[in-house]
N, C-alpha and C. Protein backbone atom coordinates (compact mmCIF):
# COMPACT_ATOMS: atom_id res chain seq x y z
N GLY A 1 93.50 -15.86 131.78
CA GLY A 1 94.50 -14.26 130.67
C GLY A 1 95.47 -14.93 130.03
N GLY A 2 94.35 -15.45 128.97
CA GLY A 2 94.80 -16.57 127.54
C GLY A 2 96.63 -17.07 127.79
N LEU A 3 96.71 -17.55 128.31
CA LEU A 3 98.11 -18.67 128.26
C LEU A 3 98.21 -19.96 128.74
N ASP A 4 96.70 -19.95 128.81
CA ASP A 4 96.82 -21.64 128.80
C ASP A 4 97.37 -22.05 128.09
N ILE A 5 96.91 -21.79 126.53
CA ILE A 5 98.06 -22.79 125.56
C ILE A 5 99.40 -22.00 125.49
N VAL A 6 100.13 -20.95 125.75
CA VAL A 6 101.28 -21.23 126.21
C VAL A 6 101.46 -22.46 126.65
N ARG A 7 100.88 -22.40 127.72
CA ARG A 7 101.41 -23.13 129.55
C ARG A 7 101.28 -24.32 129.08
N ARG A 8 100.79 -24.88 128.66
CA ARG A 8 100.28 -26.11 127.19
C ARG A 8 101.68 -26.42 126.58
N LEU A 9 101.93 -25.23 125.86
CA LEU A 9 103.12 -25.50 124.36
C LEU A 9 104.01 -25.89 124.79
N ILE A 10 104.34 -24.76 126.30
CA ILE A 10 106.12 -24.72 126.81
C ILE A 10 105.95 -25.86 127.67
N ASN A 11 104.52 -26.45 127.59
CA ASN A 11 104.71 -27.46 129.09
C ASN A 11 104.71 -29.46 128.16
N GLU A 12 104.12 -29.16 127.09
CA GLU A 12 104.39 -30.57 126.68
C GLU A 12 105.46 -30.54 125.16
N SER A 13 106.55 -29.60 124.83
CA SER A 13 106.55 -29.73 123.70
C SER A 13 108.41 -30.10 123.56
N PRO A 14 108.95 -30.09 125.30
CA PRO A 14 109.72 -30.85 125.24
C PRO A 14 109.52 -32.50 124.52
N THR A 15 108.55 -32.76 124.96
CA THR A 15 108.33 -34.31 124.53
C THR A 15 108.38 -35.19 123.72
N HIS A 16 108.33 -33.99 122.70
CA HIS A 16 108.34 -33.85 120.66
C HIS A 16 109.46 -33.36 120.16
N LEU A 17 110.49 -32.29 120.97
CA LEU A 17 111.99 -31.97 120.91
C LEU A 17 112.89 -33.27 121.03
N VAL A 18 114.06 -32.64 120.25
CA VAL A 18 114.78 -33.19 120.54
C VAL A 18 115.71 -32.69 121.30
N ALA A 19 117.09 -33.41 121.59
CA ALA A 19 117.65 -32.37 122.82
C ALA A 19 118.23 -31.03 122.16
N GLY A 20 118.26 -29.78 122.74
CA GLY A 20 119.04 -28.86 122.32
C GLY A 20 118.50 -28.07 121.53
N GLY A 21 117.06 -28.55 121.02
CA GLY A 21 115.70 -28.10 120.07
C GLY A 21 114.93 -27.14 120.49
N SER A 22 114.14 -26.62 119.59
CA SER A 22 113.65 -24.98 120.37
C SER A 22 112.65 -24.50 119.60
N LEU A 23 112.02 -23.93 120.44
CA LEU A 23 110.08 -23.73 120.72
C LEU A 23 110.51 -21.91 120.41
N MET A 24 109.70 -22.17 119.12
CA MET A 24 109.71 -20.12 119.21
C MET A 24 108.18 -20.23 118.55
N MET A 25 107.65 -19.53 119.61
CA MET A 25 105.88 -19.00 119.46
C MET A 25 105.48 -17.20 120.08
N GLU A 26 104.88 -16.86 119.64
CA GLU A 26 104.14 -15.53 119.83
C GLU A 26 103.52 -15.17 120.11
N ILE A 27 103.52 -14.47 121.83
CA ILE A 27 102.58 -14.00 122.67
C ILE A 27 101.56 -12.63 122.87
N GLY A 28 101.05 -12.36 122.91
CA GLY A 28 100.29 -11.73 123.71
C GLY A 28 101.20 -10.67 124.17
N ILE A 29 100.18 -9.27 123.45
CA ILE A 29 101.10 -7.62 124.41
C ILE A 29 100.73 -7.96 126.09
N GLY A 30 101.99 -8.20 126.66
CA GLY A 30 101.94 -7.80 128.38
C GLY A 30 101.79 -9.53 128.89
N GLN A 31 102.58 -10.10 127.82
CA GLN A 31 102.11 -11.45 128.87
C GLN A 31 103.40 -12.14 128.75
N SER A 32 104.70 -11.14 128.90
CA SER A 32 106.57 -11.56 128.07
C SER A 32 106.64 -12.22 129.84
N GLU A 33 105.80 -11.51 131.37
CA GLU A 33 106.75 -11.57 132.31
C GLU A 33 105.64 -12.91 132.42
N ASP A 34 104.62 -13.00 132.17
CA ASP A 34 104.37 -14.46 132.64
C ASP A 34 105.09 -15.41 132.03
N VAL A 35 105.26 -15.73 130.68
CA VAL A 35 106.16 -16.72 130.04
C VAL A 35 107.09 -16.45 130.70
N ALA A 36 107.63 -16.44 130.67
CA ALA A 36 109.32 -16.07 131.58
C ALA A 36 108.61 -17.04 132.59
N ALA A 37 108.55 -16.65 133.54
CA ALA A 37 107.95 -17.74 135.07
C ALA A 37 107.82 -19.01 134.38
N MET A 38 107.05 -19.56 133.29
CA MET A 38 106.69 -20.37 133.00
C MET A 38 108.12 -21.56 132.80
N PHE A 39 109.54 -20.94 132.79
CA PHE A 39 110.18 -21.81 131.59
C PHE A 39 110.70 -22.93 132.75
N ASP A 40 111.39 -23.65 132.90
CA ASP A 40 111.59 -24.35 134.08
C ASP A 40 113.02 -24.67 133.64
N PRO A 41 114.13 -23.92 134.77
CA PRO A 41 115.47 -23.80 134.35
C PRO A 41 116.45 -25.43 134.25
N LEU A 42 115.58 -26.66 134.52
CA LEU A 42 116.30 -27.76 134.84
C LEU A 42 115.50 -28.34 133.22
N ILE A 43 114.78 -27.61 133.17
CA ILE A 43 114.43 -28.34 131.47
C ILE A 43 114.93 -27.16 130.29
N TRP A 44 114.80 -25.56 130.43
CA TRP A 44 115.52 -25.48 128.97
C TRP A 44 115.89 -24.75 129.31
N HIS A 45 117.47 -24.72 128.54
CA HIS A 45 118.79 -23.76 128.28
C HIS A 45 118.43 -21.84 128.72
N SER A 46 117.46 -21.97 127.86
CA SER A 46 117.90 -20.24 128.44
C SER A 46 116.11 -20.05 127.18
N HIS A 47 115.73 -18.52 127.29
CA HIS A 47 114.79 -18.70 126.36
C HIS A 47 114.66 -16.81 125.94
N CYS A 48 114.16 -16.25 125.03
CA CYS A 48 114.72 -14.73 124.90
C CYS A 48 112.93 -14.17 124.05
N PHE A 49 113.33 -12.95 124.31
CA PHE A 49 111.93 -12.52 123.63
C PHE A 49 112.26 -11.62 122.32
N LEU A 50 111.93 -11.96 121.18
CA LEU A 50 112.19 -10.87 120.41
C LEU A 50 111.04 -9.77 121.10
N ARG A 51 110.68 -8.77 120.39
CA ARG A 51 110.88 -7.10 119.88
C ARG A 51 110.23 -6.52 118.78
N ASP A 52 108.44 -6.52 118.40
CA ASP A 52 108.08 -6.50 116.88
C ASP A 52 107.85 -4.69 117.10
N LEU A 53 108.39 -4.34 115.61
CA LEU A 53 108.18 -2.70 115.45
C LEU A 53 108.12 -2.14 116.64
N GLN A 54 107.42 -1.85 116.94
CA GLN A 54 106.71 -1.20 118.34
C GLN A 54 107.50 -1.57 119.46
N ASN A 55 108.81 -2.12 119.25
CA ASN A 55 109.28 -3.29 120.68
C ASN A 55 108.24 -2.69 121.59
N ILE A 56 107.28 -4.36 120.75
CA ILE A 56 106.88 -5.14 122.46
C ILE A 56 107.24 -6.49 122.05
N PRO A 57 107.54 -7.00 123.14
CA PRO A 57 107.84 -8.14 123.62
C PRO A 57 107.00 -8.96 122.82
N ARG A 58 107.10 -10.28 121.95
CA ARG A 58 105.35 -10.27 120.65
C ARG A 58 105.95 -12.23 120.65
N THR A 59 107.81 -12.38 120.58
CA THR A 59 107.57 -13.31 119.62
C THR A 59 108.33 -14.16 121.14
N VAL A 60 108.86 -15.41 121.13
CA VAL A 60 109.35 -16.19 122.86
C VAL A 60 110.73 -17.08 121.95
N LEU A 61 111.69 -17.57 122.10
CA LEU A 61 112.64 -18.60 121.44
C LEU A 61 113.10 -18.87 123.01
N ALA A 62 112.97 -20.63 123.00
CA ALA A 62 113.59 -20.95 124.03
C ALA A 62 114.02 -22.20 123.51
N LYS A 63 115.32 -22.47 124.45
CA LYS A 63 115.93 -23.40 123.38
C LYS A 63 116.02 -24.87 124.97
N LEU A 64 115.44 -26.11 124.35
CA LEU A 64 115.59 -26.94 125.30
C LEU A 64 116.65 -27.61 125.69
N ARG A 65 117.51 -27.72 126.75
CA ARG A 65 118.43 -28.60 127.31
C ARG A 65 118.39 -29.62 126.87
N GLY A 66 120.24 -29.92 126.29
CA GLY A 66 120.71 -31.13 125.65
C GLY A 66 121.61 -31.90 126.20
């Protein structure tokens, strides 16, 4: 499904971010629901999706708990 790298970034980035740090990445069309399910609420404080000019969720912004 093309989500292996996204999953890896979500799982490994907390070890590279400071407490309260942010992760931002572009995702593919139709992937927002699957990506949202990857964020563990015990690790990530919040996440949201930014839409492109065609109103498609294309960027995810997540904040690490801190």
